[in-house]
């Protein structure tokens, strides 16, 4: 049950990769704000972690893994984005900070 709407080509590409057991280790999801990038990323996380055995049934949206991912409770799924920098609190950074990466590495080692 894909929640992504309006990105049929991207969904087809990912679904085809899943059905042939050739899901890539990373995908770059870019575009303007509010077009469904986060939803697509969550769908990819669900499809790669779903407990259903048949690729055509993934993502199911109902198994433990899918539910935990959609509720942002899954230990292996993290969101990292731009955030305000210390010297300029009102300014949005243009990229991910090294501290964010270090925190992700620490979390990955703890779990």
N, C-alpha and C. Protein backbone atom coordinates (compact mmCIF):
# COMPACT_ATOMS: atom_id res chain seq x y z
N UNK A 1 0.85 -1.17 0.00
CA UNK A 1 0.00 0.00 0.00
C UNK A 1 0.90 1.24 0.00
N UNK A 2 1.22 1.70 -1.17
CA UNK A 2 2.05 2.90 -1.32
C UNK A 2 1.23 4.13 -0.96
N UNK A 3 1.77 4.99 -0.13
CA UNK A 3 1.08 6.24 0.24
C UNK A 3 1.47 7.39 -0.68
N UNK A 4 2.52 7.20 -1.46
CA UNK A 4 3.01 8.24 -2.37
C UNK A 4 2.00 8.46 -3.50
N UNK A 5 1.65 9.70 -3.73
CA UNK A 5 0.71 10.07 -4.79
C UNK A 5 1.40 11.00 -5.77
N UNK A 6 1.15 10.83 -7.05
CA UNK A 6 1.66 11.75 -8.05
C UNK A 6 3.07 11.50 -8.53
N UNK A 7 3.68 10.43 -8.07
CA UNK A 7 5.05 10.10 -8.48
C UNK A 7 5.08 8.66 -8.97
N UNK A 8 4.22 8.37 -9.94
CA UNK A 8 4.05 7.01 -10.42
C UNK A 8 5.34 6.41 -10.96
N UNK A 9 6.14 7.21 -11.67
CA UNK A 9 7.40 6.70 -12.25
C UNK A 9 8.36 6.27 -11.14
N UNK A 10 8.47 7.08 -10.10
CA UNK A 10 9.37 6.74 -8.99
C UNK A 10 8.88 5.49 -8.27
N UNK A 11 7.58 5.39 -8.03
CA UNK A 11 7.02 4.22 -7.36
C UNK A 11 7.23 2.97 -8.21
N UNK A 12 7.00 3.08 -9.52
CA UNK A 12 7.21 1.94 -10.43
C UNK A 12 8.67 1.48 -10.39
N UNK A 13 9.59 2.43 -10.39
CA UNK A 13 11.01 2.10 -10.36
C UNK A 13 11.38 1.34 -9.09
N UNK A 14 10.91 1.84 -7.96
CA UNK A 14 11.21 1.18 -6.69
C UNK A 14 10.52 -0.17 -6.61
N UNK A 15 9.26 -0.25 -7.01
CA UNK A 15 8.53 -1.51 -6.98
C UNK A 15 9.20 -2.56 -7.87
N UNK A 16 9.66 -2.14 -9.03
CA UNK A 16 10.35 -3.06 -9.94
C UNK A 16 11.66 -3.55 -9.30
N UNK A 17 12.39 -2.65 -8.65
CA UNK A 17 13.63 -3.03 -7.98
C UNK A 17 13.36 -4.03 -6.85
N UNK A 18 12.28 -3.83 -6.11
CA UNK A 18 11.92 -4.74 -5.03
C UNK A 18 11.54 -6.10 -5.59
N UNK A 19 10.74 -6.13 -6.65
CA UNK A 19 10.28 -7.41 -7.20
C UNK A 19 11.43 -8.22 -7.80
N UNK A 20 12.49 -7.54 -8.24
CA UNK A 20 13.63 -8.27 -8.79
C UNK A 20 14.76 -8.40 -7.76
N UNK A 21 14.48 -8.07 -6.50
CA UNK A 21 15.45 -8.13 -5.40
C UNK A 21 16.72 -7.34 -5.72
N UNK A 22 16.53 -6.15 -6.29
CA UNK A 22 17.66 -5.31 -6.66
C UNK A 22 17.48 -3.88 -6.14
N UNK A 23 16.98 -3.75 -4.93
CA UNK A 23 16.80 -2.44 -4.31
C UNK A 23 18.18 -1.85 -4.03
N UNK A 24 18.41 -0.63 -4.45
CA UNK A 24 19.71 0.02 -4.28
C UNK A 24 19.95 0.36 -2.81
N UNK A 25 21.20 0.58 -2.45
CA UNK A 25 21.53 0.91 -1.07
C UNK A 25 21.17 2.35 -0.74
N UNK A 26 20.95 3.20 -1.75
CA UNK A 26 20.61 4.60 -1.50
C UNK A 26 19.86 5.16 -2.70
N UNK A 27 18.98 6.10 -2.42
CA UNK A 27 18.26 6.83 -3.46
C UNK A 27 18.30 8.31 -3.10
N UNK A 28 18.51 9.14 -4.09
CA UNK A 28 18.50 10.58 -3.88
C UNK A 28 17.11 11.09 -4.25
N UNK A 29 16.43 11.67 -3.28
CA UNK A 29 15.07 12.18 -3.49
C UNK A 29 15.15 13.69 -3.38
N UNK A 30 15.01 14.36 -4.50
CA UNK A 30 15.14 15.82 -4.51
C UNK A 30 13.93 16.44 -5.17
N UNK A 31 13.69 17.70 -4.87
CA UNK A 31 12.59 18.42 -5.46
C UNK A 31 12.17 19.59 -4.59
N UNK A 32 11.23 20.35 -5.07
CA UNK A 32 10.76 21.51 -4.29
C UNK A 32 10.01 21.06 -3.03
N UNK A 33 9.80 21.99 -2.11
CA UNK A 33 9.08 21.65 -0.87
C UNK A 33 7.66 21.16 -1.14
N UNK A 34 7.20 20.28 -0.26
CA UNK A 34 5.80 19.83 -0.22
C UNK A 34 5.32 19.11 -1.49
N UNK A 35 6.19 18.27 -2.07
CA UNK A 35 5.76 17.50 -3.23
C UNK A 35 5.70 16.00 -2.94
N UNK A 36 6.02 15.60 -1.71
CA UNK A 36 5.91 14.19 -1.35
C UNK A 36 7.23 13.46 -1.19
N UNK A 37 8.32 14.18 -1.03
CA UNK A 37 9.63 13.53 -0.88
C UNK A 37 9.69 12.68 0.40
N UNK A 38 9.19 13.21 1.48
CA UNK A 38 9.21 12.47 2.75
C UNK A 38 8.32 11.24 2.67
N UNK A 39 7.16 11.39 2.06
CA UNK A 39 6.25 10.26 1.90
C UNK A 39 6.90 9.16 1.07
N UNK A 40 7.56 9.54 -0.02
CA UNK A 40 8.25 8.55 -0.84
C UNK A 40 9.37 7.88 -0.06
N UNK A 41 10.12 8.65 0.72
CA UNK A 41 11.20 8.08 1.53
C UNK A 41 10.65 7.08 2.55
N UNK A 42 9.52 7.42 3.17
CA UNK A 42 8.90 6.50 4.13
C UNK A 42 8.40 5.24 3.43
N UNK A 43 7.85 5.39 2.23
CA UNK A 43 7.41 4.22 1.46
C UNK A 43 8.59 3.32 1.12
N UNK A 44 9.71 3.90 0.75
CA UNK A 44 10.90 3.10 0.44
C UNK A 44 11.38 2.39 1.70
N UNK A 45 11.36 3.08 2.83
CA UNK A 45 11.75 2.44 4.10
C UNK A 45 10.80 1.28 4.42
N UNK A 46 9.52 1.49 4.21
CA UNK A 46 8.54 0.44 4.48
C UNK A 46 8.73 -0.76 3.55
N UNK A 47 8.89 -0.48 2.26
CA UNK A 47 9.01 -1.58 1.30
C UNK A 47 10.27 -2.40 1.54
N UNK A 48 11.32 -1.76 2.05
CA UNK A 48 12.55 -2.50 2.29
C UNK A 48 12.57 -3.21 3.64
N UNK A 49 11.66 -2.87 4.54
CA UNK A 49 11.62 -3.49 5.86
C UNK A 49 10.35 -4.29 6.12
N UNK A 50 9.40 -4.26 5.22
CA UNK A 50 8.11 -4.92 5.39
C UNK A 50 8.30 -6.43 5.62
N UNK A 51 7.45 -7.00 6.46
CA UNK A 51 7.54 -8.40 6.80
C UNK A 51 6.83 -9.33 5.82
N UNK A 52 6.07 -8.78 4.88
CA UNK A 52 5.41 -9.62 3.88
C UNK A 52 6.46 -10.31 3.02
N UNK A 53 6.22 -11.57 2.69
CA UNK A 53 7.22 -12.33 1.93
C UNK A 53 7.16 -12.06 0.43
N UNK A 54 5.99 -11.81 -0.10
CA UNK A 54 5.87 -11.55 -1.53
C UNK A 54 6.14 -10.08 -1.82
N UNK A 55 7.07 -9.79 -2.74
CA UNK A 55 7.37 -8.39 -3.08
C UNK A 55 6.15 -7.60 -3.55
N UNK A 56 5.21 -8.26 -4.21
CA UNK A 56 4.02 -7.57 -4.71
C UNK A 56 3.11 -7.10 -3.58
N UNK A 57 3.27 -7.65 -2.39
CA UNK A 57 2.44 -7.27 -1.24
C UNK A 57 3.09 -6.16 -0.41
N UNK A 58 4.30 -5.77 -0.75
CA UNK A 58 5.02 -4.78 0.04
C UNK A 58 4.92 -3.41 -0.59
N UNK A 59 4.82 -2.33 0.17
CA UNK A 59 4.65 -2.29 1.63
C UNK A 59 3.20 -2.55 2.00
N UNK A 60 3.00 -3.31 3.05
CA UNK A 60 1.63 -3.66 3.44
C UNK A 60 0.98 -2.55 4.27
N UNK A 61 1.79 -1.81 5.02
CA UNK A 61 1.25 -0.74 5.85
C UNK A 61 0.63 -1.21 7.14
N UNK A 62 0.61 -2.54 7.38
CA UNK A 62 -0.05 -3.08 8.56
C UNK A 62 0.87 -3.89 9.46
N UNK A 63 1.97 -4.40 8.93
CA UNK A 63 2.86 -5.21 9.76
C UNK A 63 3.58 -4.32 10.78
N UNK A 64 4.23 -4.96 11.73
CA UNK A 64 4.91 -4.23 12.81
C UNK A 64 5.95 -3.26 12.26
N UNK A 65 6.72 -3.70 11.28
CA UNK A 65 7.76 -2.84 10.72
C UNK A 65 7.16 -1.61 10.05
N UNK A 66 6.17 -1.81 9.20
CA UNK A 66 5.54 -0.69 8.50
C UNK A 66 4.93 0.31 9.47
N UNK A 67 4.23 -0.19 10.47
CA UNK A 67 3.58 0.69 11.45
C UNK A 67 4.62 1.49 12.22
N UNK A 68 5.69 0.85 12.64
CA UNK A 68 6.74 1.55 13.39
C UNK A 68 7.42 2.62 12.53
N UNK A 69 7.63 2.32 11.27
CA UNK A 69 8.25 3.31 10.38
C UNK A 69 7.33 4.51 10.20
N UNK A 70 6.06 4.27 9.92
CA UNK A 70 5.12 5.37 9.68
C UNK A 70 4.88 6.21 10.93
N UNK A 71 5.08 5.64 12.10
CA UNK A 71 4.92 6.40 13.35
C UNK A 71 6.24 6.99 13.84
N UNK A 72 7.29 6.86 13.04
CA UNK A 72 8.63 7.36 13.37
C UNK A 72 9.17 6.73 14.65
N UNK A 73 8.89 5.44 14.84
CA UNK A 73 9.34 4.72 16.03
C UNK A 73 10.38 3.65 15.70
N UNK A 74 10.68 3.45 14.45
CA UNK A 74 11.61 2.40 14.04
C UNK A 74 13.04 2.83 14.36
N UNK A 75 13.79 1.95 15.02
CA UNK A 75 15.14 2.28 15.45
C UNK A 75 16.11 2.48 14.29
N UNK A 76 15.84 1.89 13.14
CA UNK A 76 16.77 1.98 12.01
C UNK A 76 16.46 3.12 11.05
N UNK A 77 15.40 3.86 11.27
CA UNK A 77 15.01 4.93 10.36
C UNK A 77 15.19 6.27 11.08
N UNK A 78 16.00 7.13 10.50
CA UNK A 78 16.25 8.45 11.07
C UNK A 78 16.09 9.51 10.00
N UNK A 79 15.61 10.66 10.40
CA UNK A 79 15.51 11.81 9.50
C UNK A 79 16.61 12.80 9.85
N UNK A 80 17.31 13.23 8.84
CA UNK A 80 18.35 14.23 9.01
C UNK A 80 18.08 15.31 7.98
N UNK A 81 18.07 16.54 8.44
CA UNK A 81 17.82 17.64 7.52
C UNK A 81 18.58 18.88 7.92
N UNK A 82 18.37 19.90 7.16
CA UNK A 82 19.02 21.17 7.46
C UNK A 82 18.44 21.77 8.72
N UNK A 83 19.30 22.38 9.52
CA UNK A 83 18.81 23.05 10.72
C UNK A 83 19.58 24.35 10.93
N UNK A 84 19.03 25.20 11.76
CA UNK A 84 19.66 26.51 12.01
C UNK A 84 21.04 26.31 12.63
N UNK A 85 21.97 27.17 12.24
CA UNK A 85 23.33 27.09 12.77
C UNK A 85 23.47 27.97 14.00
N UNK A 86 24.40 27.62 14.88
CA UNK A 86 24.60 28.36 16.14
C UNK A 86 24.90 29.84 15.94
N UNK A 87 25.91 30.22 15.14
CA UNK A 87 26.22 31.64 15.03
C UNK A 87 25.10 32.46 14.39
N UNK A 88 24.31 31.85 13.54
CA UNK A 88 23.21 32.55 12.85
C UNK A 88 21.91 31.79 13.07
N UNK A 89 21.29 31.91 14.25
CA UNK A 89 20.11 31.11 14.56
C UNK A 89 18.94 31.29 13.59
N UNK A 90 18.82 32.42 12.95
CA UNK A 90 17.71 32.63 12.03
C UNK A 90 17.96 32.12 10.63
N UNK A 91 19.17 31.70 10.38
CA UNK A 91 19.57 31.27 9.04
C UNK A 91 19.51 29.76 8.92
N UNK A 92 18.92 29.27 7.86
CA UNK A 92 18.84 27.83 7.62
C UNK A 92 20.12 27.37 6.92
N UNK A 93 20.68 26.28 7.38
CA UNK A 93 21.90 25.75 6.79
C UNK A 93 21.61 25.22 5.39
N UNK A 94 22.65 25.13 4.59
CA UNK A 94 22.50 24.63 3.22
C UNK A 94 22.75 23.13 3.13
N UNK A 95 23.15 22.51 4.21
CA UNK A 95 23.43 21.08 4.19
C UNK A 95 23.31 20.48 5.57
N UNK A 96 23.70 19.24 5.67
CA UNK A 96 23.68 18.51 6.93
C UNK A 96 24.98 18.80 7.67
N UNK A 97 24.90 18.98 8.98
CA UNK A 97 26.09 19.31 9.75
C UNK A 97 26.84 18.05 10.17
N UNK A 98 28.10 18.20 10.45
CA UNK A 98 28.92 17.08 10.91
C UNK A 98 28.40 16.54 12.24
N UNK A 99 27.86 17.42 13.08
CA UNK A 99 27.30 16.97 14.36
C UNK A 99 26.10 16.05 14.14
N UNK A 100 25.29 16.34 13.13
CA UNK A 100 24.16 15.46 12.83
C UNK A 100 24.65 14.08 12.41
N UNK A 101 25.69 14.04 11.61
CA UNK A 101 26.25 12.76 11.17
C UNK A 101 26.85 12.01 12.35
N UNK A 102 27.55 12.71 13.21
CA UNK A 102 28.13 12.07 14.39
C UNK A 102 27.05 11.51 15.30
N UNK A 103 25.96 12.25 15.47
CA UNK A 103 24.85 11.75 16.29
C UNK A 103 24.24 10.49 15.67
N UNK A 104 24.09 10.48 14.35
CA UNK A 104 23.58 9.28 13.68
C UNK A 104 24.51 8.09 13.88
N UNK A 105 25.81 8.31 13.79
CA UNK A 105 26.77 7.24 13.99
C UNK A 105 26.69 6.71 15.42
N UNK A 106 26.57 7.61 16.38
CA UNK A 106 26.45 7.19 17.78
C UNK A 106 25.19 6.36 17.97
N UNK A 107 24.07 6.82 17.42
CA UNK A 107 22.81 6.08 17.54
C UNK A 107 22.93 4.70 16.88
N UNK A 108 23.58 4.63 15.75
CA UNK A 108 23.73 3.36 15.04
C UNK A 108 24.55 2.36 15.86
N UNK A 109 25.54 2.85 16.58
CA UNK A 109 26.36 1.96 17.39
C UNK A 109 25.66 1.52 18.67
N UNK A 110 24.76 2.35 19.18
CA UNK A 110 24.06 2.02 20.44
C UNK A 110 22.96 0.99 20.24
N UNK A 111 22.35 0.98 19.08
CA UNK A 111 21.18 0.11 18.88
C UNK A 111 21.59 -1.20 18.43
